[in-house]
């Protein structure tokens, strides 16, 4: 006589509910990781160029990220599979695409992330130049994610998000925003003189990276692994991107009030944040510039730590699945050799680029592959969440399909624009 084991519903029912005061975690990490220094500059430049006219884009962009991250989390919780397992089910092309992407992206991003942390630290403490401060930041990130458990990474990111939030929202409060103009900025309009590019960049680019796909891995690290955690996942995601939305809106306010109204231009790239620090110092005192630079460093460092941890988890899963290792093989898990190998790849080879400069061909490949990752994520989520690869009760509803389709179209337009720009550089 055989004895049947408990059903999935019985197992889920037997699991304890998540603690009410510990529902915030992975969403904050993915949101903090996705908003880096380059995103802040893009938002500042948009505010300095168009005032509040593109405020609606910043809000729309955060809503789009909520949709995509919720989709990635829903797939992981509903199926018990990682997002890479889902991609694998769509064909071998996904494995080739992700494998090429994650190797090139990691090499170039490692250099950019370390430089991004080095800039504000050099301005605060000029005893070392940018590259050495960046290298020390990279090594600090390595040590944290090499030896620290996910709970440590989450707590450190929460502190850094707090510093980011205080610095940028504080800067916005100092400028005394014009509330009627802000309200007008919530009405969708597209300014002339290249406004469509800023619309696409703000709506699709801010906070949008490979780390959105890492959300499911962080859910596992947190211990949220079944459909029972679906509601808490959605709360976590919504709260995290609400915080991010406030942060991005504050950045645009600073651009609109401090730069647009005074007709002050800032540099493109991460040096634009140093320019803003100087403007704040000149207008409000040295303390304001210092607080802002600390927030700038926190934004860059949170992105570095999140990528060192989250993308390394994705890479470990990618190699383990490609080699057909069993799910519990330690090499494919947090702390395994593939996880640590990718951390080393993010840290040490990119240091050479900080000394030797960035090879043009590699940068072009990075730009093209990076632009095509977000359309890849949006389209594959639409595929996974509308087919039998996901249990029917967790399929996309109509509004989810509409929102994800909008995301996919926006990211495809951004990818086409990026591809055009990269081809123009070759010409």
Protein backbone atom coordinates (compact mmCIF):
# COMPACT_ATOMS: atom_id res chain seq x y z
CA UNK A 1 0.00 0.00 0.00
CA UNK A 2 1.52 3.32 -1.03
CA UNK A 3 1.29 6.42 1.07
CA UNK A 4 0.97 9.71 -0.82
CA UNK A 5 2.99 12.70 0.32
CA UNK A 6 1.44 16.06 1.07
CA UNK A 7 0.25 18.14 -1.87
CA UNK A 8 1.78 21.50 -2.77
CA UNK A 9 -1.25 23.26 -1.29
CA UNK A 10 -0.85 21.34 1.99
CA UNK A 11 2.83 22.21 2.18
CA UNK A 12 2.09 25.88 1.52
CA UNK A 13 -0.64 25.87 4.16
CA UNK A 14 1.76 24.42 6.71
CA UNK A 15 4.36 27.13 6.15
CA UNK A 16 4.44 29.98 8.64
CA UNK A 17 3.38 33.39 7.41
CA UNK A 18 6.17 35.90 6.80
CA UNK A 19 6.81 38.16 9.83
CA UNK A 20 4.75 41.32 9.38
CA UNK A 21 7.61 43.70 10.17
CA UNK A 22 10.16 41.96 7.96
CA UNK A 23 8.43 42.23 4.61
CA UNK A 24 10.83 44.76 3.10
CA UNK A 25 14.07 43.45 1.70
CA UNK A 26 14.86 42.12 -1.79
CA UNK A 27 12.84 44.86 -3.49
CA UNK A 28 14.89 47.55 -1.78
CA UNK A 29 18.10 45.81 -2.88
CA UNK A 30 17.03 45.52 -6.53
CA UNK A 31 15.78 49.11 -6.61
CA UNK A 32 18.93 50.49 -4.98
CA UNK A 33 21.14 48.48 -7.30
CA UNK A 34 19.33 49.65 -10.41
CA UNK A 35 19.58 53.37 -9.62
CA UNK A 36 23.22 54.34 -10.08
CA UNK A 37 25.12 57.56 -10.62
CA UNK A 38 24.51 57.56 -14.38
CA UNK A 39 20.73 57.37 -13.79
CA UNK A 40 20.92 60.35 -11.45
CA UNK A 41 22.79 62.41 -14.03
CA UNK A 42 20.26 61.52 -16.76
CA UNK A 43 17.44 62.71 -14.50
CA UNK A 44 19.30 65.86 -13.47
CA UNK A 45 20.03 66.75 -17.09
CA UNK A 46 16.37 66.20 -18.01
CA UNK A 47 15.31 68.51 -15.17
CA UNK A 48 17.92 71.13 -16.08
CA UNK A 49 16.86 71.05 -19.75
CA UNK A 50 13.06 70.83 -19.50
CA UNK A 51 12.18 71.76 -15.92
CA UNK A 52 9.21 69.74 -14.65
CA UNK A 53 7.91 68.86 -18.14
CA UNK A 54 9.13 65.25 -17.88
CA UNK A 55 8.08 64.56 -14.31
CA UNK A 56 5.40 62.18 -15.61
CA UNK A 57 8.12 60.11 -17.29
CA UNK A 58 9.94 59.54 -14.01
CA UNK A 59 6.70 58.33 -12.39
CA UNK A 60 5.88 56.13 -15.39
CA UNK A 61 9.37 54.64 -15.31
CA UNK A 62 8.98 53.51 -11.71
CA UNK A 63 5.60 51.96 -12.50
CA UNK A 64 7.19 50.07 -15.39
CA UNK A 65 9.89 48.67 -13.09
CA UNK A 66 7.24 47.57 -10.58
CA UNK A 67 5.53 45.62 -13.37
CA UNK A 68 8.70 43.91 -14.58
CA UNK A 69 10.10 43.08 -11.14
CA UNK A 70 6.70 41.78 -10.00
CA UNK A 71 6.64 39.57 -13.09
CA UNK A 72 10.09 38.16 -12.39
CA UNK A 73 9.18 37.54 -8.76
CA UNK A 74 5.82 36.01 -9.63
CA UNK A 75 7.42 33.56 -12.04
CA UNK A 76 9.97 32.45 -9.44
CA UNK A 77 7.42 32.01 -6.64
CA UNK A 78 4.74 30.36 -8.82
CA UNK A 79 7.06 27.82 -10.46
CA UNK A 80 9.85 27.33 -7.94
CA UNK A 81 12.27 27.92 -10.81
CA UNK A 82 14.86 30.59 -11.41
CA UNK A 83 14.44 33.09 -14.22
CA UNK A 84 17.32 31.47 -16.08
CA UNK A 85 15.50 28.12 -15.99
CA UNK A 86 12.59 29.93 -17.55
CA UNK A 87 14.78 31.41 -20.26
CA UNK A 88 16.27 27.97 -20.95
CA UNK A 89 12.80 26.61 -21.61
CA UNK A 90 12.43 29.12 -24.47
CA UNK A 91 15.33 27.69 -26.45
CA UNK A 92 19.13 27.54 -26.60
CA UNK A 93 19.33 31.08 -28.00
CA UNK A 94 18.61 32.47 -24.54
CA UNK A 95 21.60 30.64 -23.06
CA UNK A 96 23.92 31.97 -25.76
CA UNK A 97 22.58 35.49 -25.43
CA UNK A 98 22.80 35.62 -21.66
CA UNK A 99 26.23 33.94 -21.58
CA UNK A 100 27.79 36.46 -23.97
CA UNK A 101 26.00 39.36 -22.32
CA UNK A 102 26.92 38.58 -18.72
CA UNK A 103 30.63 38.14 -19.49
CA UNK A 104 31.06 41.38 -21.47
CA UNK A 105 28.70 43.37 -19.27
CA UNK A 106 30.44 42.28 -16.07
CA UNK A 107 33.88 43.26 -17.35
CA UNK A 108 32.88 46.77 -18.40
CA UNK A 109 30.44 47.36 -15.54
CA UNK A 110 33.09 46.46 -12.97
CA UNK A 111 35.28 49.31 -14.17
CA UNK A 112 32.37 51.77 -14.37
CA UNK A 113 31.12 50.85 -10.89
CA UNK A 114 34.52 51.30 -9.27
CA UNK A 115 35.05 54.63 -11.04
CA UNK A 116 31.58 55.72 -9.90
CA UNK A 117 32.46 55.14 -6.25
CA UNK A 118 35.91 56.70 -6.68
CA UNK A 119 34.66 60.06 -7.94
CA UNK A 120 32.79 61.22 -4.80
CA UNK A 121 35.38 59.69 -2.44
CA UNK A 122 38.16 61.60 -4.21
CA UNK A 123 36.17 64.83 -3.87
CA UNK A 124 35.54 64.18 -0.17
CA UNK A 125 39.05 62.87 0.62
CA UNK A 126 41.57 63.83 -2.09
CA UNK A 127 44.39 61.86 -0.46
CA UNK A 128 43.88 59.23 -3.19
CA UNK A 129 42.90 59.67 -6.82
CA UNK A 130 39.71 58.33 -8.38
CA UNK A 131 41.07 54.99 -9.57
CA UNK A 132 42.56 54.03 -6.21
CA UNK A 133 39.41 54.95 -4.30
CA UNK A 134 37.47 52.93 -6.88
CA UNK A 135 39.73 49.92 -6.48
CA UNK A 136 39.38 50.06 -2.69
CA UNK A 137 35.59 50.22 -3.08
CA UNK A 138 35.65 47.21 -5.40
CA UNK A 139 37.73 45.24 -2.90
CA UNK A 140 35.37 46.25 -0.08
CA UNK A 141 32.41 45.04 -2.13
CA UNK A 142 34.23 41.78 -2.86
CA UNK A 143 34.89 41.11 0.82
CA UNK A 144 31.31 41.92 1.78
CA UNK A 145 29.64 39.58 -0.73
CA UNK A 146 32.36 36.89 -0.51
CA UNK A 147 32.03 36.35 3.22
CA UNK A 148 28.68 37.96 4.06
CA UNK A 149 25.33 36.25 3.84
CA UNK A 150 22.44 37.82 1.96
CA UNK A 151 21.04 39.29 5.19
CA UNK A 152 24.24 41.33 5.59
CA UNK A 153 24.05 42.59 1.99
CA UNK A 154 20.41 43.59 2.56
CA UNK A 155 21.21 45.55 5.72
CA UNK A 156 24.16 47.36 4.14
CA UNK A 157 22.06 48.29 1.10
CA UNK A 158 19.29 49.57 3.39
CA UNK A 159 21.77 51.91 5.10
CA UNK A 160 23.11 53.13 1.75
CA UNK A 161 19.57 53.72 0.47
CA UNK A 162 18.92 55.79 3.59
CA UNK A 163 21.98 57.95 2.84
CA UNK A 164 20.92 58.33 -0.81
CA UNK A 165 17.41 59.28 0.20
CA UNK A 166 18.44 61.85 2.82
CA UNK A 167 20.97 63.47 0.48
CA UNK A 168 18.77 63.82 -2.60
CA UNK A 169 15.43 64.49 -0.90
CA UNK A 170 17.22 66.97 1.37
CA UNK A 171 18.69 68.73 -1.67
CA UNK A 172 15.22 68.88 -3.23
CA UNK A 173 13.76 70.35 -0.04
CA UNK A 174 16.47 73.04 0.03
CA UNK A 175 15.44 74.23 -3.42
CA UNK A 176 11.82 74.82 -2.27
CA UNK A 177 10.05 73.15 -5.22
CA UNK A 178 7.30 74.96 -7.14
CA UNK A 179 4.25 72.79 -6.45
CA UNK A 180 1.99 74.16 -9.23
CA UNK A 181 4.75 73.54 -11.80
CA UNK A 182 5.24 70.04 -10.40
CA UNK A 183 1.55 69.29 -10.80
CA UNK A 184 1.75 70.49 -14.39
CA UNK A 185 4.65 68.11 -14.99
CA UNK A 186 2.37 65.13 -14.31
CA UNK A 187 0.44 65.88 -17.52
CA UNK A 188 2.07 63.83 -20.32
CA UNK A 189 3.82 66.10 -22.84
CA UNK A 190 6.84 65.59 -25.09
CA UNK A 191 9.05 68.67 -25.43
CA UNK A 192 10.67 69.49 -28.76
CA UNK A 193 14.42 69.60 -29.35
CA UNK A 194 15.17 65.95 -28.63
CA UNK A 195 12.55 65.55 -25.92
CA UNK A 196 11.48 62.11 -27.15
CA UNK A 197 14.92 60.68 -26.30
CA UNK A 198 14.66 62.00 -22.75
CA UNK A 199 11.13 60.62 -22.50
CA UNK A 200 12.34 57.14 -23.43
CA UNK A 201 15.43 57.38 -21.23
CA UNK A 202 13.56 58.48 -18.12
CA UNK A 203 10.65 56.07 -18.57
CA UNK A 204 12.73 53.07 -19.53
CA UNK A 205 16.27 53.65 -18.40
CA UNK A 206 16.27 54.89 -14.81
CA UNK A 207 16.64 51.92 -12.49
CA UNK A 208 16.54 49.41 -15.34
CA UNK A 209 19.40 46.91 -15.47
CA UNK A 210 20.13 43.20 -15.38
CA UNK A 211 19.52 43.37 -11.62
CA UNK A 212 15.77 43.45 -12.23
CA UNK A 213 16.09 39.83 -13.32
CA UNK A 214 18.12 39.08 -10.16
CA UNK A 215 15.05 39.73 -7.99
CA UNK A 216 14.01 36.08 -7.99
CA UNK A 217 17.45 35.04 -6.72
CA UNK A 218 17.26 37.53 -3.87
CA UNK A 219 13.79 36.21 -3.02
CA UNK A 220 15.36 32.75 -2.60
CA UNK A 221 18.14 34.15 -0.45
CA UNK A 222 15.50 35.84 1.70
CA UNK A 223 13.61 32.53 2.06
CA UNK A 224 10.54 33.60 0.07
CA UNK A 225 10.17 30.59 -2.21
CA UNK A 226 6.50 29.58 -2.62
CA UNK A 227 3.21 31.16 -3.81
CA UNK A 228 2.43 31.80 -0.15
CA UNK A 229 4.94 34.63 -0.31
CA UNK A 230 3.29 36.23 -3.35
CA UNK A 231 1.51 38.96 -1.41
CA UNK A 232 4.53 39.92 0.67
CA UNK A 233 6.65 39.98 -2.51
CA UNK A 234 4.25 42.42 -4.13
CA UNK A 235 4.25 44.67 -1.06
CA UNK A 236 8.05 44.54 -0.95
CA UNK A 237 8.32 45.46 -4.63
CA UNK A 238 5.76 48.26 -4.50
CA UNK A 239 7.24 49.89 -1.38
CA UNK A 240 10.80 49.67 -2.74
CA UNK A 241 9.93 51.34 -6.04
CA UNK A 242 7.80 53.93 -4.29
CA UNK A 243 10.92 54.92 -2.36
CA UNK A 244 12.84 54.89 -5.64
CA UNK A 245 10.14 57.01 -7.27
CA UNK A 246 10.40 59.65 -4.54
CA UNK A 247 14.17 59.59 -4.95
CA UNK A 248 14.00 60.03 -8.74
CA UNK A 249 11.38 62.79 -8.47
CA UNK A 250 13.61 64.55 -5.93
CA UNK A 251 16.50 64.34 -8.41
CA UNK A 252 14.37 65.91 -11.13
CA UNK A 253 13.25 68.66 -8.72
CA UNK A 254 16.88 69.52 -8.04
CA UNK A 255 17.55 69.66 -11.77
CA UNK A 256 14.49 71.82 -12.39
CA UNK A 257 14.84 74.24 -9.48
CA UNK A 258 18.60 74.47 -8.99
CA UNK A 259 19.84 74.10 -12.58
CA UNK A 260 16.97 74.91 -14.98
CA UNK A 261 15.84 78.06 -13.18
CA UNK A 262 19.42 79.36 -12.91
CA UNK A 263 20.40 78.17 -16.43
CA UNK A 264 23.27 76.11 -15.00
CA UNK A 265 24.69 73.29 -17.14
CA UNK A 266 26.38 70.20 -15.73
CA UNK A 267 28.69 67.65 -17.29
CA UNK A 268 27.39 64.47 -18.84
CA UNK A 269 28.42 61.22 -17.17
CA UNK A 270 29.03 60.80 -13.47
CA UNK A 271 31.11 64.00 -13.23
CA UNK A 272 27.82 65.86 -13.52
CA UNK A 273 27.11 64.89 -9.92
CA UNK A 274 30.37 66.52 -8.84
CA UNK A 275 29.21 69.67 -10.63
CA UNK A 276 25.94 69.56 -8.71
CA UNK A 277 27.82 69.14 -5.43
CA UNK A 278 29.73 72.33 -6.20
CA UNK A 279 26.51 74.20 -7.04
CA UNK A 280 24.96 73.10 -3.73
CA UNK A 281 28.10 74.13 -1.84
CA UNK A 282 28.18 77.57 -3.48
CA UNK A 283 24.51 78.25 -2.77
CA UNK A 284 23.91 76.63 0.64
CA UNK A 285 27.34 76.09 2.18
CA UNK A 286 30.01 73.44 2.34
CA UNK A 287 27.87 71.13 4.47
CA UNK A 288 25.28 70.80 1.67
CA UNK A 289 27.90 69.80 -0.86
CA UNK A 290 29.41 67.27 1.55
CA UNK A 291 26.06 65.66 2.36
CA UNK A 292 25.29 65.38 -1.32
CA UNK A 293 28.65 63.77 -2.12
CA UNK A 294 28.04 61.20 0.62
CA UNK A 295 24.68 60.43 -1.00
CA UNK A 296 26.36 60.20 -4.41
CA UNK A 297 28.84 57.67 -3.00
CA UNK A 298 26.00 55.71 -1.36
CA UNK A 299 24.14 55.48 -4.70
CA UNK A 300 27.25 54.23 -6.48
CA UNK A 301 28.26 51.82 -3.70
CA UNK A 302 24.79 50.28 -3.37
CA UNK A 303 24.83 49.53 -7.09
CA UNK A 304 28.29 47.98 -6.82
CA UNK A 305 27.35 45.73 -3.89
CA UNK A 306 24.05 44.70 -5.46
CA UNK A 307 25.69 43.68 -8.73
CA UNK A 308 28.62 41.92 -7.02
CA UNK A 309 26.03 39.81 -5.16
CA UNK A 310 22.95 39.50 -7.39
CA UNK A 311 24.54 39.09 -10.82
CA UNK A 312 27.04 36.64 -9.35
CA UNK A 313 24.09 34.55 -8.17
CA UNK A 314 22.66 34.67 -11.69
CA UNK A 315 26.00 33.67 -13.21
CA UNK A 316 26.37 30.73 -10.81
CA UNK A 317 22.90 29.51 -11.78
CA UNK A 318 23.69 30.00 -15.49
CA UNK A 319 26.86 27.85 -15.32
CA UNK A 320 25.20 25.20 -13.14
CA UNK A 321 22.23 24.86 -15.54
CA UNK A 322 24.49 24.88 -18.59
CA UNK A 323 26.50 22.04 -17.05
CA UNK A 324 23.32 20.21 -15.97
CA UNK A 325 24.33 20.12 -12.30
CA UNK A 326 21.70 19.07 -9.75
CA UNK A 327 19.82 21.99 -8.12
CA UNK A 328 21.50 21.45 -4.75
CA UNK A 329 25.06 21.30 -6.11
CA UNK A 330 27.08 23.75 -3.96
CA UNK A 331 29.02 25.06 -6.97
CA UNK A 332 25.84 26.65 -8.35
CA UNK A 333 24.71 28.29 -5.12
CA UNK A 334 25.61 31.34 -3.03
CA UNK A 335 29.23 31.00 -1.95
CA UNK A 336 30.02 28.34 -4.55
CA UNK A 337 32.97 28.51 -6.92
CA UNK A 338 30.95 29.89 -9.86
CA UNK A 339 29.48 32.61 -7.64
CA UNK A 340 32.90 33.58 -6.34
CA UNK A 341 34.48 33.26 -9.76
CA UNK A 342 32.16 35.92 -11.16
CA UNK A 343 32.86 38.21 -8.20
CA UNK A 344 36.55 37.97 -9.09
CA UNK A 345 35.71 38.69 -12.75
CA UNK A 346 33.79 41.83 -11.71
CA UNK A 347 36.64 43.04 -9.51
CA UNK A 348 40.13 42.31 -10.83
CA UNK A 349 40.15 42.36 -14.69
CA UNK A 350 38.23 45.69 -14.76
CA UNK A 351 40.96 47.28 -12.65
CA UNK A 352 43.19 47.17 -15.74
CA UNK A 353 40.66 49.31 -17.61
CA UNK A 354 40.93 51.97 -14.94
CA UNK A 355 44.64 52.28 -15.70
CA UNK A 356 44.68 51.60 -19.45
CA UNK A 357 41.44 53.27 -20.54
CA UNK A 358 38.39 51.58 -21.99
CA UNK A 359 38.82 49.79 -25.35
CA UNK A 360 36.42 51.25 -27.92
CA UNK A 361 35.30 47.90 -29.34
CA UNK A 362 34.43 46.53 -25.91
CA UNK A 363 32.49 49.67 -25.00
CA UNK A 364 30.50 49.46 -28.23
CA UNK A 365 29.64 45.80 -27.59
CA UNK A 366 28.67 46.65 -24.00
CA UNK A 367 26.41 49.47 -25.14
CA UNK A 368 24.59 47.35 -27.71
CA UNK A 369 24.18 44.28 -25.49
CA UNK A 370 23.14 46.42 -22.53
CA UNK A 371 20.48 48.19 -24.57
CA UNK A 372 19.03 44.89 -25.71
CA UNK A 373 18.81 43.27 -22.27
CA UNK A 374 15.71 45.11 -21.06
CA UNK A 375 13.69 44.27 -24.20
CA UNK A 376 14.90 40.68 -23.74
CA UNK A 377 13.60 40.65 -20.16
CA UNK A 378 10.24 42.25 -21.03
CA UNK A 379 9.55 39.99 -24.02
CA UNK A 380 10.60 36.77 -22.27
CA UNK A 381 8.45 37.61 -19.23
CA UNK A 382 5.46 38.09 -21.53
CA UNK A 383 6.25 34.68 -23.03
CA UNK A 384 6.76 32.89 -19.71
CA UNK A 385 3.78 34.41 -17.92
CA UNK A 386 1.23 33.71 -20.66
CA UNK A 387 2.03 30.07 -21.42
CA UNK A 388 1.99 26.72 -19.64
CA UNK A 389 5.48 27.44 -18.30
CA UNK A 390 3.65 29.18 -15.44
CA UNK A 391 0.64 27.74 -13.55
CA UNK A 392 -2.58 29.17 -15.02
CA UNK A 393 -3.65 30.92 -11.82
CA UNK A 394 -0.47 33.04 -11.94
CA UNK A 395 -0.70 33.99 -15.61
CA UNK A 396 -0.69 37.68 -16.55
CA UNK A 397 -3.97 39.49 -16.28
CA UNK A 398 -5.01 41.90 -19.04
CA UNK A 399 -3.53 44.95 -17.30
CA UNK A 400 -0.21 43.12 -16.77
CA UNK A 401 -0.02 42.24 -20.46
CA UNK A 402 -0.77 45.82 -21.48
CA UNK A 403 1.85 47.17 -19.07
CA UNK A 404 4.52 44.65 -20.08
CA UNK A 405 3.84 45.28 -23.76
CA UNK A 406 4.30 49.01 -23.14
CA UNK A 407 7.57 48.21 -21.35
CA UNK A 408 8.73 46.01 -24.23
CA UNK A 409 7.95 48.68 -26.84
CA UNK A 410 9.71 51.38 -24.82
CA UNK A 411 12.82 49.26 -24.35
CA UNK A 412 12.87 48.25 -28.03
CA UNK A 413 12.79 51.96 -28.96
CA UNK A 414 15.61 52.65 -26.51
CA UNK A 415 17.62 49.73 -27.92
CA UNK A 416 17.16 51.00 -31.48
CA UNK A 417 18.30 54.47 -30.44
CA UNK A 418 21.34 53.06 -28.63
CA UNK A 419 22.24 50.88 -31.61
CA UNK A 420 22.00 53.90 -33.89
CA UNK A 421 24.25 55.94 -31.60
CA UNK A 422 26.85 53.17 -31.42
CA UNK A 423 26.86 52.76 -35.21
CA UNK A 424 27.26 56.54 -35.55
CA UNK A 425 30.38 56.34 -33.36
CA UNK A 426 31.83 53.72 -35.68
CA UNK A 427 31.17 56.02 -38.62
